[in-house]
Amino acid sequence: MTVQASPLTSDYDAKRRHAIAAATIGNGLEWFDFTVYGFFTPIIARLFFPAINDLTSILLTVGTYGVGFFMRPVGAVVLGVYADRKGRKAALTLTILMMAFGTALLGFAPTYAQAGIIGPLVIVLARLIQGFSAGGEIGGATAFLIEYAPPEKRGFYASWQQTSQALAVVLGGICGTIVTHALDPAAIDSWGWRVPFLLGLLIGPVGFYIRARVDETPVFTDSHTQKSESPLRDALRDHPRGIASGFGVTILWTVCTYVLLFYMTTYAVKQLNIPLADAFVATTIGGLVLMLGCPVAGALSDRVGRKRLLLAAAIAIGVLIYPLFAWVNASPDLMTLAIVQGILGLLLAAFTGPAPALLAEQFPAGLRSTGLSLAYNFAVTIFGGFAAVIVTLLIEATGTKLAPSFYVMAAALVSALTLLTMQDKTGKPID
């Protein structure tokens, strides 16, 4: 006998799928611009921050990339509180409109040769707006996914948040590969670098349409869910351990993301003398492995426990990162770089796929977006936003091109020690 699903069950399953699509597509489009800026750093450095030498120019460019991260904690507080008071849907719709405005500024910004100091100032303003928007995106999107998920599938559902970031890496890498292969260097410097940013303007209409049509989470609208009049105060007062542990776990998450994905294109070009087009191909491969691996890792964490999986991944990253960097430096070509990026993508998926669920499970629904946003964004601002600056200076200070691996190893140690102190709430009631 065939048992048919009831209309109510089918309708709710459809809402769950819509929720994943809304969070994933919107979040992916938001992070697309962050990815493209990181990938095109060598070109932006020449056009907007001309300096006496390449090092100074690169430092100014990645420093401007990091400036936007100063606004991340501000966005985390303002938009995290807004999501806990007015709803996940309202916050997510607002963030995507703000990111679209920042992307438009980047796409149409005049270069230093065209407008002098005004060009770099427009870039800085765009980064500040995007930083504020991104500060509220992670907390709102992850809370949204967690609250739509069945208890036994929270890891799988929340993993789509990180999957969307990997999607942004893939799309950014594809755009970079097409631009660098289809255009000559003069055309790229003249107008080609703008193409990915202008494509990113799809953030506005596409993301807004998708998010405006999704329903608010049932947990947030439930009359039994306790809302807070002051989510920031209550999160800091009642859940300091959750915020602190989330901060510690995010250190490796953000260092890996910004060093092993976003910075690797610049590293390959400037340190390994690999052609920009080849660097884009390798980074795209790493992003594709990460994108496919995150849902698998999230689902695996639902079976074996999030703490166990993240701890194993943190140890593996800490042990393998140095030999991987040594290998690509000994054999700096497309094949080696692609293999290394693929391995790093797999390790990163094992850690970052379950990480959003682990952080979200530390907080109740009424404070979830605020608590998660605080833990994540303060760590990202300190350890991720200026990761490119830190590793560039480490290379100069130590005289070795393997220096980025030292930064990753230190982050792996801190996050592993943090995980040992955390409670694993996999499959347990959290609301």
Protein backbone atom coordinates (compact mmCIF):
# COMPACT_ATOMS: atom_id res chain seq x y z
CA MET A 1 0.00 0.00 0.00
CA THR A 2 1.32 3.42 -0.96
CA VAL A 3 1.21 6.09 1.72
CA GLN A 4 0.69 9.55 0.32
CA ALA A 5 2.00 12.66 2.04
CA SER A 6 -0.69 14.94 3.35
CA PRO A 7 -1.17 18.32 1.63
CA LEU A 8 -0.01 20.07 4.79
CA THR A 9 3.23 18.03 4.87
CA SER A 10 3.90 18.63 1.18
CA ASP A 11 3.26 22.34 1.57
CA TYR A 12 5.68 22.62 4.48
CA ASP A 13 8.34 20.64 2.60
CA ALA A 14 7.97 23.10 -0.26
CA LYS A 15 8.42 26.00 2.17
CA ARG A 16 11.60 24.37 3.47
CA ARG A 17 13.00 24.08 -0.03
CA HIS A 18 12.06 27.70 -0.70
CA ALA A 19 13.78 28.73 2.53
CA ILE A 20 17.03 27.00 1.49
CA ALA A 21 16.84 28.65 -1.91
CA ALA A 22 16.21 32.09 -0.42
CA ALA A 23 19.10 31.87 2.04
CA THR A 24 21.52 30.18 -0.36
CA ILE A 25 20.95 32.25 -3.49
CA GLY A 26 20.75 35.55 -1.64
CA ASN A 27 23.79 34.83 0.51
CA GLY A 28 25.75 33.55 -2.47
CA LEU A 29 25.04 36.66 -4.49
CA GLU A 30 26.05 38.85 -1.54
CA TRP A 31 29.39 37.08 -1.16
CA PHE A 32 30.03 37.13 -4.89
CA ASP A 33 31.24 40.72 -4.67
CA PHE A 34 33.57 39.98 -1.75
CA THR A 35 35.06 37.15 -3.80
CA VAL A 36 35.54 39.20 -6.94
CA TYR A 37 37.27 42.01 -5.03
CA GLY A 38 39.69 39.50 -3.52
CA PHE A 39 40.36 37.84 -6.88
CA PHE A 40 40.98 41.12 -8.73
CA THR A 41 43.21 42.63 -6.02
CA PRO A 42 46.30 42.84 -8.29
CA ILE A 43 44.35 44.83 -10.90
CA ILE A 44 42.50 47.05 -8.43
CA ALA A 45 45.84 47.80 -6.76
CA ARG A 46 47.25 49.22 -9.99
CA LEU A 47 44.15 51.23 -10.91
CA PHE A 48 43.10 52.68 -7.55
CA PHE A 49 46.18 52.57 -5.32
CA PRO A 50 49.24 53.35 -7.45
CA ALA A 51 52.35 53.43 -5.26
CA ILE A 52 56.13 53.39 -5.42
CA ASN A 53 56.29 49.59 -5.29
CA ASP A 54 54.00 46.59 -5.70
CA LEU A 55 54.04 45.69 -2.00
CA THR A 56 52.71 49.08 -0.90
CA SER A 57 50.06 49.01 -3.62
CA ILE A 58 48.88 45.52 -2.64
CA LEU A 59 48.83 46.42 1.07
CA LEU A 60 46.68 49.49 0.37
CA THR A 61 44.25 47.40 -1.67
CA VAL A 62 43.87 44.52 0.79
CA GLY A 63 43.78 47.09 3.60
CA THR A 64 40.78 48.71 1.91
CA TYR A 65 39.26 45.23 1.62
CA GLY A 66 39.72 44.94 5.37
CA VAL A 67 38.24 48.38 6.11
CA GLY A 68 34.79 47.02 5.37
CA PHE A 69 35.24 44.56 8.19
CA PHE A 70 35.28 47.38 10.74
CA MET A 71 31.59 47.73 9.95
CA ARG A 72 30.90 44.02 10.41
CA PRO A 73 30.44 44.21 14.21
CA VAL A 74 28.23 47.27 13.79
CA GLY A 75 26.10 45.44 11.24
CA ALA A 76 26.08 42.37 13.49
CA VAL A 77 24.61 44.38 16.38
CA VAL A 78 22.14 46.49 14.40
CA LEU A 79 20.92 43.86 11.94
CA GLY A 80 21.21 40.95 14.39
CA VAL A 81 18.97 42.77 16.86
CA TYR A 82 16.65 43.77 14.01
CA ALA A 83 16.32 40.10 12.95
CA ASP A 84 15.53 38.99 16.51
CA ARG A 85 12.91 41.71 16.96
CA LYS A 86 11.33 42.12 13.52
CA GLY A 87 12.05 38.75 11.91
CA ARG A 88 14.61 36.93 9.78
CA LYS A 89 12.86 37.76 6.53
CA ALA A 90 12.87 41.52 7.11
CA ALA A 91 16.59 41.55 7.98
CA LEU A 92 17.61 39.38 5.03
CA THR A 93 15.69 41.53 2.57
CA LEU A 94 17.34 44.69 3.91
CA THR A 95 20.86 43.25 3.79
CA ILE A 96 20.64 42.26 0.15
CA LEU A 97 19.49 45.74 -0.94
CA MET A 98 22.39 47.34 0.92
CA MET A 99 24.90 44.96 -0.62
CA ALA A 100 23.56 45.75 -4.08
CA PHE A 101 24.14 49.47 -3.52
CA GLY A 102 27.73 48.82 -2.44
CA THR A 103 28.31 46.66 -5.49
CA ALA A 104 27.02 49.43 -7.77
CA LEU A 105 29.51 51.86 -6.23
CA LEU A 106 32.37 49.45 -6.90
CA GLY A 107 31.28 48.75 -10.46
CA PHE A 108 31.09 52.42 -11.43
CA ALA A 109 33.93 53.84 -9.29
CA PRO A 110 36.32 56.12 -11.19
CA THR A 111 39.97 55.03 -11.11
CA TYR A 112 42.77 57.09 -9.56
CA ALA A 113 43.85 58.22 -13.03
CA GLN A 114 40.32 59.42 -13.79
CA ALA A 115 39.38 61.20 -10.55
CA GLY A 116 42.40 61.23 -8.25
CA ILE A 117 41.69 60.55 -4.58
CA ILE A 118 37.91 60.38 -5.20
CA GLY A 119 38.32 56.93 -6.80
CA PRO A 120 39.88 55.24 -3.74
CA LEU A 121 37.36 57.04 -1.46
CA VAL A 122 34.44 55.57 -3.43
CA ILE A 123 36.00 52.12 -3.02
CA VAL A 124 36.31 52.65 0.74
CA LEU A 125 32.68 53.83 1.01
CA ALA A 126 31.47 50.79 -0.92
CA ARG A 127 33.44 48.47 1.35
CA LEU A 128 31.96 50.11 4.47
CA ILE A 129 28.39 49.66 3.21
CA GLN A 130 29.02 46.06 2.23
CA GLY A 131 30.72 45.33 5.55
CA PHE A 132 27.68 46.61 7.45
CA SER A 133 25.36 44.50 5.30
CA ALA A 134 27.45 41.34 5.61
CA GLY A 135 27.55 41.78 9.39
CA GLY A 136 23.88 40.90 9.57
CA GLU A 137 23.78 38.34 6.79
CA ILE A 138 25.40 35.33 8.48
CA GLY A 139 23.35 35.48 11.67
CA GLY A 140 20.06 36.07 9.88
CA ALA A 141 20.61 33.48 7.14
CA THR A 142 21.83 30.77 9.52
CA ALA A 143 19.00 31.35 12.01
CA PHE A 144 16.59 31.23 9.09
CA LEU A 145 17.93 27.85 7.91
CA ILE A 146 18.15 26.33 11.40
CA GLU A 147 14.58 27.28 12.25
CA TYR A 148 13.18 25.69 9.11
CA ALA A 149 15.19 22.48 9.58
CA PRO A 150 13.93 19.25 11.16
CA PRO A 151 15.90 18.62 14.40
CA GLU A 152 17.70 15.64 12.89
CA LYS A 153 18.83 17.66 9.83
CA ARG A 154 19.99 20.98 11.29
CA GLY A 155 23.57 20.39 10.19
CA PHE A 156 22.53 19.71 6.61
CA TYR A 157 20.21 22.71 6.38
CA ALA A 158 22.65 25.17 7.99
CA SER A 159 25.50 23.93 5.78
CA TRP A 160 23.84 25.63 2.81
CA GLN A 161 24.90 28.94 4.31
CA GLN A 162 28.54 28.04 3.72
CA THR A 163 27.65 26.32 0.46
CA SER A 164 26.40 29.66 -0.82
CA GLN A 165 29.74 31.29 0.01
CA ALA A 166 31.50 28.54 -1.93
CA LEU A 167 29.08 29.16 -4.80
CA ALA A 168 30.24 32.78 -4.76
CA VAL A 169 33.87 31.60 -5.05
CA VAL A 170 32.97 29.40 -8.01
CA LEU A 171 31.03 32.14 -9.80
CA GLY A 172 33.75 34.68 -9.07
CA GLY A 173 36.41 32.29 -10.34
CA ILE A 174 34.43 31.57 -13.51
CA CYS A 175 33.98 35.30 -14.17
CA GLY A 176 37.66 35.93 -13.54
CA THR A 177 38.67 33.05 -15.82
CA ILE A 178 36.44 34.27 -18.67
CA VAL A 179 37.58 37.90 -18.35
CA THR A 180 41.30 37.06 -18.20
CA HIS A 181 41.11 34.60 -21.10
CA ALA A 182 38.81 36.64 -23.36
CA LEU A 183 40.42 40.06 -22.97
CA ASP A 184 43.94 41.39 -23.39
CA PRO A 185 45.61 43.11 -20.37
CA ALA A 186 44.82 46.61 -21.69
CA ALA A 187 41.10 45.82 -22.02
CA ILE A 188 41.03 44.24 -18.56
CA ASP A 189 42.56 47.37 -17.02
CA SER A 190 40.31 49.65 -19.04
CA TRP A 191 36.91 48.07 -18.43
CA GLY A 192 37.08 44.29 -18.13
CA TRP A 193 37.64 44.27 -14.36
CA ARG A 194 34.26 46.01 -13.94
CA VAL A 195 32.26 43.23 -15.63
CA PRO A 196 32.01 40.89 -12.60
CA PHE A 197 30.95 43.76 -10.33
CA LEU A 198 28.26 44.85 -12.77
CA LEU A 199 27.02 41.27 -13.02
CA GLY A 200 26.85 41.36 -9.23
CA LEU A 201 24.12 43.98 -9.52
CA LEU A 202 21.80 41.01 -10.03
CA ILE A 203 21.94 40.89 -6.23
CA GLY A 204 19.24 43.54 -6.06
CA PRO A 205 16.33 42.30 -8.20
CA VAL A 206 16.98 38.54 -7.97
CA GLY A 207 17.80 38.38 -4.26
CA PHE A 208 15.07 40.80 -3.25
CA TYR A 209 12.44 38.92 -5.28
CA ILE A 210 13.36 35.54 -3.78
CA ARG A 211 13.56 36.75 -0.19
CA ALA A 212 10.43 38.88 -0.35
CA ARG A 213 8.39 35.82 -1.32
CA VAL A 214 9.58 33.48 1.44
CA ASP A 215 7.61 33.02 4.68
CA GLU A 216 8.98 33.93 8.10
CA THR A 217 10.32 30.98 10.09
CA PRO A 218 7.72 29.03 12.09
CA VAL A 219 9.92 29.13 15.20
CA PHE A 220 10.08 32.93 15.18
CA THR A 221 6.33 33.34 14.64
CA ASP A 222 5.43 30.72 17.27
CA SER A 223 3.60 32.33 20.19
CA HIS A 224 5.67 30.25 22.62
CA THR A 225 8.97 31.72 21.41
CA GLN A 226 10.18 34.28 23.92
CA LYS A 227 11.20 37.53 22.26
CA SER A 228 13.57 39.94 23.94
CA GLU A 229 13.13 43.69 24.22
CA SER A 230 16.93 44.01 24.27
CA PRO A 231 18.52 41.07 22.40
CA LEU A 232 22.02 42.55 22.64
CA ARG A 233 21.87 42.99 26.42
CA ASP A 234 20.32 39.59 27.02
CA ALA A 235 22.75 37.77 24.71
CA LEU A 236 25.78 39.30 26.43
CA ARG A 237 24.33 38.73 29.91
CA ASP A 238 22.83 35.25 29.54
CA HIS A 239 25.00 33.61 26.86
CA PRO A 240 28.61 34.82 27.22
CA ARG A 241 29.91 31.26 26.94
CA GLY A 242 28.06 30.69 23.68
CA ILE A 243 29.43 33.92 22.23
CA ALA A 244 32.99 33.16 23.40
CA SER A 245 32.97 29.59 22.07
CA GLY A 246 31.43 30.72 18.78
CA PHE A 247 34.17 33.33 18.51
CA GLY A 248 36.86 30.69 19.03
CA VAL A 249 35.43 28.30 16.44
CA THR A 250 35.01 31.10 13.90
CA ILE A 251 38.73 31.95 14.05
CA LEU A 252 39.73 28.93 11.95
CA TRP A 253 36.59 29.25 9.82
CA THR A 254 37.40 32.83 8.83
CA VAL A 255 41.18 32.44 8.53
CA CYS A 256 40.74 29.49 6.16
CA THR A 257 38.11 31.30 4.12
CA TYR A 258 40.06 34.51 3.65
CA VAL A 259 43.56 33.01 3.36
CA LEU A 260 42.98 29.73 1.53
CA LEU A 261 40.25 30.96 -0.82
CA PHE A 262 40.08 34.73 -1.29
CA TYR A 263 43.81 35.49 -0.87
CA MET A 264 45.18 32.53 -2.82
CA THR A 265 44.71 34.20 -6.20
CA THR A 266 46.89 37.12 -5.13
CA TYR A 267 49.35 34.73 -3.48
CA ALA A 268 49.64 32.62 -6.63
CA VAL A 269 50.30 35.66 -8.82
CA LYS A 270 52.59 37.68 -6.54
CA GLN A 271 54.49 34.95 -4.68
CA LEU A 272 54.46 31.96 -7.06
CA ASN A 273 54.47 33.86 -10.39
CA ILE A 274 51.56 31.77 -11.65
CA PRO A 275 49.53 33.49 -14.41
CA LEU A 276 46.35 35.17 -13.20
CA ALA A 277 44.17 33.06 -15.50
CA ASP A 278 45.63 29.83 -14.04
CA ALA A 279 45.16 31.13 -10.50
CA PHE A 280 41.47 31.71 -11.25
CA VAL A 281 41.09 28.14 -12.55
CA ALA A 282 42.68 26.64 -9.43
CA THR A 283 40.63 28.79 -7.06
CA THR A 284 37.46 27.84 -8.94
CA ILE A 285 38.31 24.15 -8.45
CA GLY A 286 38.81 24.70 -4.71
CA GLY A 287 35.52 26.58 -4.49
CA LEU A 288 33.70 23.83 -6.39
CA VAL A 289 35.01 21.14 -4.02
CA LEU A 290 33.98 23.28 -1.06
CA MET A 291 30.51 23.90 -2.51
CA LEU A 292 29.87 20.19 -3.10
CA GLY A 293 31.46 19.10 0.17
CA CYS A 294 29.65 21.42 2.58
CA PRO A 295 26.20 19.77 2.39
CA VAL A 296 27.83 16.34 2.68
CA ALA A 297 29.76 17.44 5.77
CA GLY A 298 26.66 19.05 7.24
CA ALA A 299 24.65 15.85 6.76
CA LEU A 300 27.52 13.78 8.19
CA SER A 301 27.58 15.98 11.30
CA ASP A 302 23.91 15.11 11.88
CA ARG A 303 24.99 11.46 12.16
CA VAL A 304 28.35 11.58 13.96
CA GLY A 305 28.04 14.83 15.92
CA ARG A 306 29.25 18.31 15.00
CA LYS A 307 31.93 18.64 17.66
CA ARG A 308 33.63 15.39 16.65
CA LEU A 309 33.69 16.26 12.95
CA LEU A 310 34.89 19.84 13.43
CA LEU A 311 37.64 18.75 15.81
CA ALA A 312 38.92 16.16 13.34
CA ALA A 313 38.87 18.72 10.53
CA ALA A 314 40.69 21.35 12.62
CA ILE A 315 43.46 18.88 13.46
CA ALA A 316 43.78 17.79 9.82
CA ILE A 317 44.04 21.40 8.63
CA GLY A 318 46.68 22.21 11.25
CA VAL A 319 48.78 19.17 10.33
CA LEU A 320 48.51 19.32 6.52
CA ILE A 321 48.64 23.04 5.77
CA TYR A 322 52.44 23.40 5.97
CA PRO A 323 53.30 20.47 3.66
CA LEU A 324 50.65 21.64 1.17
CA PHE A 325 52.16 25.14 1.02
CA ALA A 326 55.65 23.63 0.77
CA TRP A 327 54.53 21.46 -2.15
CA VAL A 328 52.99 24.30 -4.17
CA ASN A 329 56.07 26.44 -3.58
CA ALA A 330 58.37 23.63 -4.71
CA SER A 331 56.26 23.06 -7.84
CA PRO A 332 54.46 26.34 -8.66
CA ASP A 333 52.28 25.37 -11.61
CA LEU A 334 48.60 25.07 -12.41
CA MET A 335 48.39 21.32 -11.77
CA THR A 336 49.93 21.48 -8.30
CA LEU A 337 47.97 24.57 -7.31
CA ALA A 338 44.70 22.99 -8.48
CA ILE A 339 45.35 19.80 -6.48
CA VAL A 340 46.30 21.80 -3.38
CA GLN A 341 43.19 23.97 -3.71
CA GLY A 342 41.07 20.84 -4.11
CA ILE A 343 42.50 19.28 -0.94
CA LEU A 344 42.06 22.52 0.97
CA GLY A 345 38.49 22.80 -0.31
CA LEU A 346 37.72 19.33 1.05
CA LEU A 347 39.26 20.08 4.48
CA LEU A 348 37.51 23.43 4.62
CA ALA A 349 34.16 21.79 3.78
CA ALA A 350 34.59 19.33 6.66
CA PHE A 351 35.03 22.23 9.08
CA THR A 352 32.82 25.00 7.72
CA GLY A 353 29.92 22.80 6.59
CA PRO A 354 28.83 21.90 10.16
CA ALA A 355 30.12 25.12 11.78
CA PRO A 356 27.01 27.30 11.19
CA ALA A 357 24.75 24.76 12.91
CA LEU A 358 27.16 24.39 15.81
CA LEU A 359 27.16 28.14 16.43
CA ALA A 360 23.41 28.58 15.98
CA GLU A 361 22.65 25.76 18.44
CA GLN A 362 24.34 27.72 21.23
CA PHE A 363 21.49 30.28 21.38
CA PRO A 364 17.68 30.23 21.84
CA ALA A 365 15.44 31.51 19.06
CA GLY A 366 14.78 34.93 20.63
CA LEU A 367 18.51 35.72 20.71
CA ARG A 368 19.85 33.47 17.97
CA SER A 369 20.58 36.00 15.26
CA THR A 370 22.16 38.49 17.69
CA GLY A 371 24.30 35.93 19.53
CA LEU A 372 25.48 34.21 16.37
CA SER A 373 26.20 37.52 14.62
CA LEU A 374 28.29 38.77 17.55
CA ALA A 375 30.35 35.58 17.81
CA TYR A 376 30.96 35.29 14.09
CA ASN A 377 31.55 38.89 13.04
CA PHE A 378 33.94 39.96 15.78
CA ALA A 379 36.15 36.98 14.93
CA VAL A 380 35.89 37.71 11.21
CA THR A 381 36.80 41.38 11.74
CA ILE A 382 39.87 40.61 13.84
CA PHE A 383 41.23 37.50 12.14
CA GLY A 384 39.67 37.43 8.66
CA GLY A 385 39.27 40.99 7.45
CA PHE A 386 42.97 41.73 7.61
CA ALA A 387 44.16 38.18 6.96
CA ALA A 388 45.61 39.20 3.59
CA VAL A 389 47.51 42.09 5.22
CA ILE A 390 48.76 39.84 8.03
CA VAL A 391 50.06 37.07 5.79
CA THR A 392 51.62 39.57 3.37
CA LEU A 393 53.51 41.16 6.25
CA LEU A 394 54.42 37.71 7.61
CA ILE A 395 55.99 36.81 4.28
CA GLU A 396 58.03 40.03 4.32
CA ALA A 397 59.03 39.66 7.98
CA THR A 398 60.03 35.99 7.86
CA GLY A 399 61.42 35.93 4.35
CA THR A 400 59.57 32.70 3.58
CA LYS A 401 56.65 32.19 1.24
CA LEU A 402 55.35 29.48 3.59
CA ALA A 403 54.37 32.10 6.20
CA PRO A 404 50.61 31.95 5.46
CA SER A 405 50.62 28.36 6.74
CA PHE A 406 51.86 29.59 10.15
CA TYR A 407 48.79 31.80 10.50
CA VAL A 408 46.46 28.93 9.58
CA MET A 409 48.19 26.54 12.02
CA ALA A 410 47.80 29.03 14.88
CA ALA A 411 44.09 29.44 14.06
CA ALA A 412 43.62 25.66 13.93
CA LEU A 413 45.14 25.30 17.40
CA VAL A 414 42.88 27.96 18.95
CA SER A 415 39.71 26.57 17.39
CA ALA A 416 40.57 22.98 18.31
CA LEU A 417 41.10 23.96 21.96
CA THR A 418 37.79 25.87 21.91
CA LEU A 419 35.92 22.86 20.53
CA LEU A 420 37.15 20.71 23.41
CA THR A 421 35.26 22.96 25.85
CA MET A 422 31.96 23.08 23.91
CA GLN A 423 28.72 21.16 24.35
CA ASP A 424 27.54 19.19 21.34
CA LYS A 425 23.80 19.73 20.84
CA THR A 426 23.48 17.69 17.67
CA GLY A 427 19.92 16.37 17.44
CA LYS A 428 18.95 17.77 20.82
CA PRO A 429 16.09 20.26 21.35
CA ILE A 430 17.29 23.87 21.20
CA ASP A 431 13.94 25.69 21.15
